Amino acid sequence: MNVEENYPIGMPGQKWTEKENVQWFEAQTIKRSYQDEVVEKIISLKADFDVQQYGALSFDETRYPLFVIKTKNWDSNKKTVLVTGGVHGYETSGVQGALRFVETKANEYAKHFNIIVAPCISPWGYETVNRWNAKAIDPNRSFYQNSPAQESAAIMKCVAELDVDIFVHIDLHETTDTDNSTFRPALAARDAIDQKAWDIPDGFYLVANSVTPAADFQKAIIDAVEKVTHIAPADDSGKLIGVPLEQLGVINYAARDLGLCMGLTDAKYMTTTEVYPDSPKSDNENCNLAQVASITGGLDYILKSL
């Protein structure tokens, strides 16, 4: 798919410079409110949770504060769980699913775990419904030292300063039709590299870490989510998004090498969830519930294993 030739920004065959990055930024518009849809929900949790601001996006610190939500009664004898959402701001259920977990389930699991939730790592991306940040950088390819994405750098610094061993990390994502219609054409134009289209998986799937895949942990999440929504079948070549299936609904990526959020710690158990809100078999609420089920399914497995 040679999509870059028709993209309205940049010249075919030439990587974007700062000029094109700015053109892209100036073409973006606010489509929803981070304050109304996310911050107000976070603030409402202060009575029951330890809500901490760990930074703000530098180009508008008032509009884009960054928050983590921690369970109270922190206990160093408990294992610590990290849940992240909104690394890609346009993936709505990653944000709303993380908040729903806090609202409905987190205190139940706080009897057994210390829990940290960063529900919206990329608030500008949330408001403008974008995968990239305002500098046309993908935060979920930027989790490494001296990260060029301030969203990635900020949560890495926050987790490091907590100075705790993360035992479980679940990163909440979506795969949408816009991956093919919007993101991949922009990526092809920005990097001057042809991008192959793939079938968007119809249903829920997981991306595990190829270095520490924890296959039984992944299966437990799939089993739990299957009670809520359908699991994505492999395509005709036995793959999901171009990657061979490791087991039903699970593929493996090299988390640390690719700069993925799920690789920001050395957690024994880690995964990236992917729901499909554009499926005729699903809707936004179903996707939020699937995200919650992925967390609780994973934690139930850990509890049985400890």
Protein backbone atom coordinates (compact mmCIF):
# COMPACT_ATOMS: atom_id res chain seq x y z
CA MET A 1 0.00 0.00 0.00
CA ASN A 2 1.79 3.12 -1.17
CA VAL A 3 -0.19 5.57 0.91
CA GLU A 4 2.37 8.36 1.31
CA GLU A 5 1.93 9.71 -2.23
CA ASN A 6 -1.57 11.03 -1.50
CA TYR A 7 -0.95 12.41 1.98
CA PRO A 8 -1.62 16.17 2.18
CA ILE A 9 1.51 16.97 4.22
CA GLY A 10 5.07 16.54 3.00
CA MET A 11 6.61 15.34 -0.26
CA PRO A 12 6.57 11.68 -1.37
CA GLY A 13 9.87 9.97 -0.62
CA GLN A 14 11.03 12.64 1.85
CA LYS A 15 10.91 12.30 5.63
CA TRP A 16 9.14 15.05 7.49
CA THR A 17 11.18 17.86 8.99
CA GLU A 18 10.08 20.16 11.81
CA LYS A 19 8.17 22.17 9.21
CA GLU A 20 5.92 19.21 8.33
CA ASN A 21 5.56 18.24 11.99
CA VAL A 22 4.23 21.73 12.72
CA GLN A 23 1.90 21.58 9.71
CA TRP A 24 0.52 18.31 11.01
CA PHE A 25 0.05 19.74 14.52
CA GLU A 26 -1.72 22.82 13.20
CA ALA A 27 -4.15 20.60 11.28
CA GLN A 28 -5.34 18.88 14.49
CA THR A 29 -8.50 19.99 16.30
CA ILE A 30 -9.94 19.46 19.77
CA LYS A 31 -12.71 16.85 19.56
CA ARG A 32 -13.48 16.11 23.22
CA SER A 33 -12.64 17.34 26.71
CA TYR A 34 -9.91 15.76 28.81
CA GLN A 35 -11.08 17.89 31.75
CA ASP A 36 -14.72 16.76 31.55
CA GLU A 37 -14.23 13.13 30.55
CA VAL A 38 -11.09 12.23 32.51
CA VAL A 39 -9.87 14.77 35.08
CA GLU A 40 -13.24 15.22 36.76
CA LYS A 41 -13.54 11.45 37.16
CA ILE A 42 -10.04 11.27 38.63
CA ILE A 43 -10.72 14.09 41.11
CA SER A 44 -13.93 12.36 42.22
CA LEU A 45 -11.85 9.38 43.36
CA LYS A 46 -9.81 11.35 45.92
CA ALA A 47 -11.91 10.22 48.87
CA ASP A 48 -11.09 6.56 48.30
CA PHE A 49 -7.70 6.67 46.57
CA ASP A 50 -4.40 8.50 46.70
CA VAL A 51 -4.50 10.76 43.63
CA GLN A 52 -1.18 12.34 42.69
CA GLN A 53 -0.22 14.70 39.89
CA TYR A 54 3.12 13.62 38.45
CA GLY A 55 3.57 16.31 35.84
CA ALA A 56 1.86 18.16 32.99
CA LEU A 57 2.38 18.56 29.27
CA SER A 58 4.72 21.49 28.86
CA PHE A 59 2.90 23.36 26.09
CA ASP A 60 -0.24 23.75 28.25
CA GLU A 61 0.34 22.69 31.85
CA THR A 62 -3.02 23.95 33.06
CA ARG A 63 -5.00 22.05 30.45
CA TYR A 64 -3.01 18.82 30.53
CA PRO A 65 -2.07 17.74 34.07
CA LEU A 66 -0.93 14.11 34.43
CA PHE A 67 -2.24 11.88 37.21
CA VAL A 68 -1.66 8.54 38.84
CA ILE A 69 -4.18 6.92 41.16
CA LYS A 70 -2.86 4.70 43.96
CA THR A 71 -4.67 2.47 46.39
CA LYS A 72 -4.42 3.53 50.00
CA ASN A 73 -2.85 1.57 52.88
CA TRP A 74 0.28 0.84 50.86
CA ASP A 75 1.94 -2.32 52.13
CA SER A 76 5.50 -3.27 51.17
CA ASN A 77 4.62 -6.93 51.73
CA LYS A 78 2.11 -6.86 48.85
CA LYS A 79 2.95 -7.27 45.17
CA THR A 80 2.56 -4.06 43.16
CA VAL A 81 0.39 -3.79 40.03
CA LEU A 82 0.68 -1.06 37.38
CA VAL A 83 -2.19 -0.33 34.99
CA THR A 84 -1.63 2.19 32.20
CA GLY A 85 -4.12 3.64 29.73
CA GLY A 86 -4.24 6.31 27.08
CA VAL A 87 -0.66 5.92 25.90
CA HIS A 88 -2.34 6.34 22.54
CA GLY A 89 -4.83 9.06 23.34
CA TYR A 90 -7.31 8.08 20.65
CA GLU A 91 -7.84 4.62 22.16
CA THR A 92 -10.80 5.58 24.32
CA SER A 93 -11.44 2.38 26.27
CA GLY A 94 -7.83 2.32 27.41
CA VAL A 95 -8.59 5.49 29.37
CA GLN A 96 -12.17 4.81 30.35
CA GLY A 97 -11.50 1.14 31.08
CA ALA A 98 -8.70 2.08 33.47
CA LEU A 99 -10.99 4.52 35.25
CA ARG A 100 -13.81 1.96 35.37
CA PHE A 101 -11.46 -0.55 37.00
CA VAL A 102 -10.57 1.99 39.70
CA GLU A 103 -14.21 2.93 40.23
CA THR A 104 -15.53 -0.63 40.47
CA LYS A 105 -12.80 -3.14 41.26
CA ALA A 106 -9.53 -1.65 42.49
CA ASN A 107 -10.32 -1.51 46.19
CA GLU A 108 -11.42 -5.14 46.11
CA TYR A 109 -8.01 -6.14 44.76
CA ALA A 110 -6.22 -3.70 47.07
CA LYS A 111 -6.67 -6.30 49.81
CA HIS A 112 -4.01 -8.31 47.99
CA PHE A 113 -2.02 -5.81 45.88
CA ASN A 114 -0.67 -2.30 45.86
CA ILE A 115 -2.21 -0.80 42.71
CA ILE A 116 -1.04 2.14 40.61
CA VAL A 117 -3.21 3.35 37.71
CA ALA A 118 -2.11 5.96 35.16
CA PRO A 119 -5.38 6.29 33.22
CA CYS A 120 -4.44 8.84 30.55
CA ILE A 121 -0.75 9.13 29.72
CA SER A 122 -1.39 11.20 26.55
CA PRO A 123 -4.11 13.78 27.30
CA TRP A 124 -3.49 15.93 24.20
CA GLY A 125 -3.87 12.78 22.13
CA TYR A 126 -7.10 12.05 24.00
CA GLU A 127 -8.58 15.45 23.20
CA THR A 128 -7.54 15.47 19.54
CA VAL A 129 -8.19 11.70 19.08
CA ASN A 130 -4.62 11.01 17.99
CA ARG A 131 -2.16 8.15 18.22
CA TRP A 132 0.77 10.56 18.15
CA ASN A 133 1.61 13.38 20.52
CA ALA A 134 1.72 17.04 19.50
CA LYS A 135 5.19 16.62 18.00
CA ALA A 136 4.06 13.77 15.72
CA ILE A 137 5.85 11.21 17.93
CA ASP A 138 4.31 7.86 18.87
CA PRO A 139 4.53 7.62 22.69
CA ASN A 140 4.20 3.83 22.51
CA ARG A 141 7.46 3.57 20.60
CA SER A 142 9.24 5.99 22.95
CA PHE A 143 9.70 4.18 26.27
CA TYR A 144 13.47 4.35 26.49
CA GLN A 145 16.14 6.52 28.10
CA ASN A 146 16.09 10.16 26.98
CA SER A 147 12.69 9.62 25.39
CA PRO A 148 11.67 12.22 22.79
CA ALA A 149 8.03 11.94 23.96
CA GLN A 150 7.37 13.87 27.15
CA GLU A 151 4.34 11.69 27.87
CA SER A 152 6.53 8.57 27.96
CA ALA A 153 9.34 10.28 29.85
CA ALA A 154 6.96 11.61 32.50
CA ILE A 155 5.38 8.28 33.43
CA MET A 156 8.78 6.54 33.36
CA LYS A 157 10.11 9.13 35.80
CA CYS A 158 7.01 8.77 37.99
CA VAL A 159 7.30 4.99 38.20
CA ALA A 160 11.05 5.18 38.87
CA GLU A 161 10.53 7.65 41.71
CA LEU A 162 7.97 5.38 43.34
CA ASP A 163 10.92 3.03 43.85
CA VAL A 164 8.88 -0.17 43.98
CA ASP A 165 9.17 -3.45 42.13
CA ILE A 166 6.33 -3.74 39.62
CA PHE A 167 5.15 -7.34 39.59
CA VAL A 168 2.31 -6.97 37.07
CA HIS A 169 1.89 -4.39 34.30
CA ILE A 170 -1.21 -4.28 32.10
CA ASP A 171 -1.26 -1.64 29.36
CA LEU A 172 -4.71 -0.94 27.91
CA HIS A 173 -5.09 -0.28 24.16
CA GLU A 174 -7.48 -0.45 21.20
CA THR A 175 -7.04 -1.32 17.54
CA THR A 176 -9.43 0.72 15.40
CA ASP A 177 -10.30 1.09 11.73
CA THR A 178 -8.47 4.41 11.76
CA ASP A 179 -5.22 2.50 12.14
CA ASN A 180 -5.50 1.80 8.41
CA SER A 181 -7.44 4.87 7.29
CA THR A 182 -5.65 7.59 9.28
CA PHE A 183 -2.56 6.46 11.16
CA ARG A 184 -0.72 4.30 8.67
CA PRO A 185 -0.99 6.82 5.81
CA ALA A 186 0.40 9.50 8.16
CA LEU A 187 3.19 7.15 9.26
CA ALA A 188 4.10 6.37 5.66
CA ALA A 189 4.27 10.08 4.84
CA ARG A 190 6.19 11.06 7.99
CA ASP A 191 8.87 8.39 7.62
CA ALA A 192 8.84 8.07 3.81
CA ILE A 193 8.47 4.31 4.22
CA ASP A 194 5.77 2.29 2.51
CA GLN A 195 3.32 0.78 5.00
CA LYS A 196 1.48 -2.48 4.41
CA ALA A 197 -2.19 -2.59 5.29
CA TRP A 198 -3.49 -5.50 7.33
CA ASP A 199 -6.93 -6.67 8.32
CA ILE A 200 -7.99 -5.08 11.59
CA PRO A 201 -8.66 -8.01 13.97
CA ASP A 202 -12.36 -8.31 14.77
CA GLY A 203 -12.28 -8.78 18.51
CA PHE A 204 -10.08 -8.72 21.59
CA TYR A 205 -6.46 -9.83 21.56
CA LEU A 206 -3.27 -9.47 23.60
CA VAL A 207 0.28 -8.51 22.78
CA ALA A 208 2.68 -10.30 25.15
CA ASN A 209 6.38 -9.67 25.64
CA SER A 210 8.38 -12.12 23.50
CA VAL A 211 11.20 -12.15 26.10
CA THR A 212 8.91 -13.10 29.01
CA PRO A 213 5.64 -14.21 27.40
CA ALA A 214 3.99 -15.70 30.51
CA ALA A 215 1.67 -17.77 28.32
CA ASP A 216 -0.55 -19.04 31.15
CA PHE A 217 -1.10 -15.46 32.38
CA GLN A 218 -2.12 -14.39 28.88
CA LYS A 219 -4.48 -17.35 28.57
CA ALA A 220 -6.14 -16.48 31.87
CA ILE A 221 -6.86 -12.98 30.58
CA ILE A 222 -8.25 -14.32 27.30
CA ASP A 223 -10.49 -16.72 29.22
CA ALA A 224 -11.81 -13.90 31.42
CA VAL A 225 -12.41 -11.49 28.55
CA GLU A 226 -14.13 -14.15 26.46
CA LYS A 227 -16.99 -14.02 28.97
CA VAL A 228 -17.47 -10.34 28.09
CA THR A 229 -16.63 -10.02 24.40
CA HIS A 230 -15.39 -12.08 21.47
CA ILE A 231 -11.75 -12.97 20.90
CA ALA A 232 -10.21 -12.00 17.56
CA PRO A 233 -9.63 -14.95 15.23
CA ALA A 234 -6.40 -15.20 13.26
CA ASP A 235 -6.47 -14.16 9.61
CA ASP A 236 -6.09 -16.61 6.74
CA SER A 237 -2.32 -16.73 7.27
CA GLY A 238 -2.65 -17.51 10.98
CA LYS A 239 -1.62 -14.01 12.05
CA LEU A 240 -2.92 -10.92 13.82
CA ILE A 241 -1.67 -7.52 12.52
CA GLY A 242 0.99 -9.36 10.56
CA VAL A 243 2.36 -11.33 13.52
CA PRO A 244 2.02 -15.14 13.98
CA LEU A 245 -0.35 -16.28 16.70
CA GLU A 246 1.33 -17.60 19.85
CA GLN A 247 -1.97 -18.96 21.14
CA LEU A 248 -5.63 -18.04 20.72
CA GLY A 249 -5.87 -14.25 20.85
CA VAL A 250 -2.19 -13.70 21.72
CA ILE A 251 0.79 -12.45 19.72
CA ASN A 252 4.26 -11.55 20.97
CA TYR A 253 6.26 -8.34 20.50
CA ALA A 254 9.74 -7.43 21.78
CA ALA A 255 8.48 -4.91 24.32
CA ARG A 256 11.76 -3.29 25.39
CA ASP A 257 13.37 -3.27 21.94
CA LEU A 258 10.34 -1.56 20.40
CA GLY A 259 10.05 1.04 23.16
CA LEU A 260 6.59 -0.14 24.19
CA CYS A 261 4.90 1.02 27.37
CA MET A 262 4.51 -2.54 28.64
CA GLY A 263 8.31 -2.80 28.65
CA LEU A 264 8.91 0.19 30.93
CA THR A 265 9.42 -2.09 33.96
CA ASP A 266 10.87 -5.54 34.60
CA ALA A 267 7.49 -6.89 35.66
CA LYS A 268 7.26 -10.67 35.76
CA TYR A 269 3.79 -10.46 34.23
CA MET A 270 3.07 -7.92 31.51
CA THR A 271 0.71 -7.56 28.58
CA THR A 272 -0.89 -5.08 26.21
CA THR A 273 -4.63 -5.39 25.63
CA GLU A 274 -6.30 -4.62 22.31
CA VAL A 275 -10.05 -4.23 21.90
CA TYR A 276 -11.88 -3.45 18.66
CA PRO A 277 -14.59 -0.81 19.17
CA ASP A 278 -15.53 -0.73 15.46
CA SER A 279 -16.75 -4.33 15.47
CA PRO A 280 -20.47 -4.84 14.73
CA LYS A 281 -20.39 -7.24 17.67
CA SER A 282 -19.19 -4.60 20.16
CA ASP A 283 -19.69 -1.04 21.42
CA ASN A 284 -17.92 1.43 23.70
CA GLU A 285 -19.38 0.01 26.89
CA ASN A 286 -18.49 -3.54 25.91
CA CYS A 287 -14.92 -2.39 25.25
CA ASN A 288 -14.67 -0.74 28.68
CA LEU A 289 -15.93 -3.93 30.32
CA ALA A 290 -13.43 -5.99 28.34
CA GLN A 291 -10.59 -3.80 29.63
CA VAL A 292 -11.77 -4.28 33.21
CA ALA A 293 -12.07 -8.04 32.66
CA SER A 294 -8.53 -8.17 31.31
CA ILE A 295 -7.20 -6.62 34.53
CA THR A 296 -9.28 -8.70 36.90
CA GLY A 297 -8.64 -11.89 34.91
CA GLY A 298 -4.91 -11.31 35.12
CA LEU A 299 -4.99 -10.50 38.82
CA ASP A 300 -7.17 -13.52 39.62
CA TYR A 301 -4.57 -15.68 37.91
CA ILE A 302 -1.78 -14.09 39.98
CA LEU A 303 -3.71 -14.65 43.21
CA LYS A 304 -4.05 -18.35 42.42
CA SER A 305 -0.34 -18.55 41.59
CA LEU A 306 1.06 -16.84 44.68
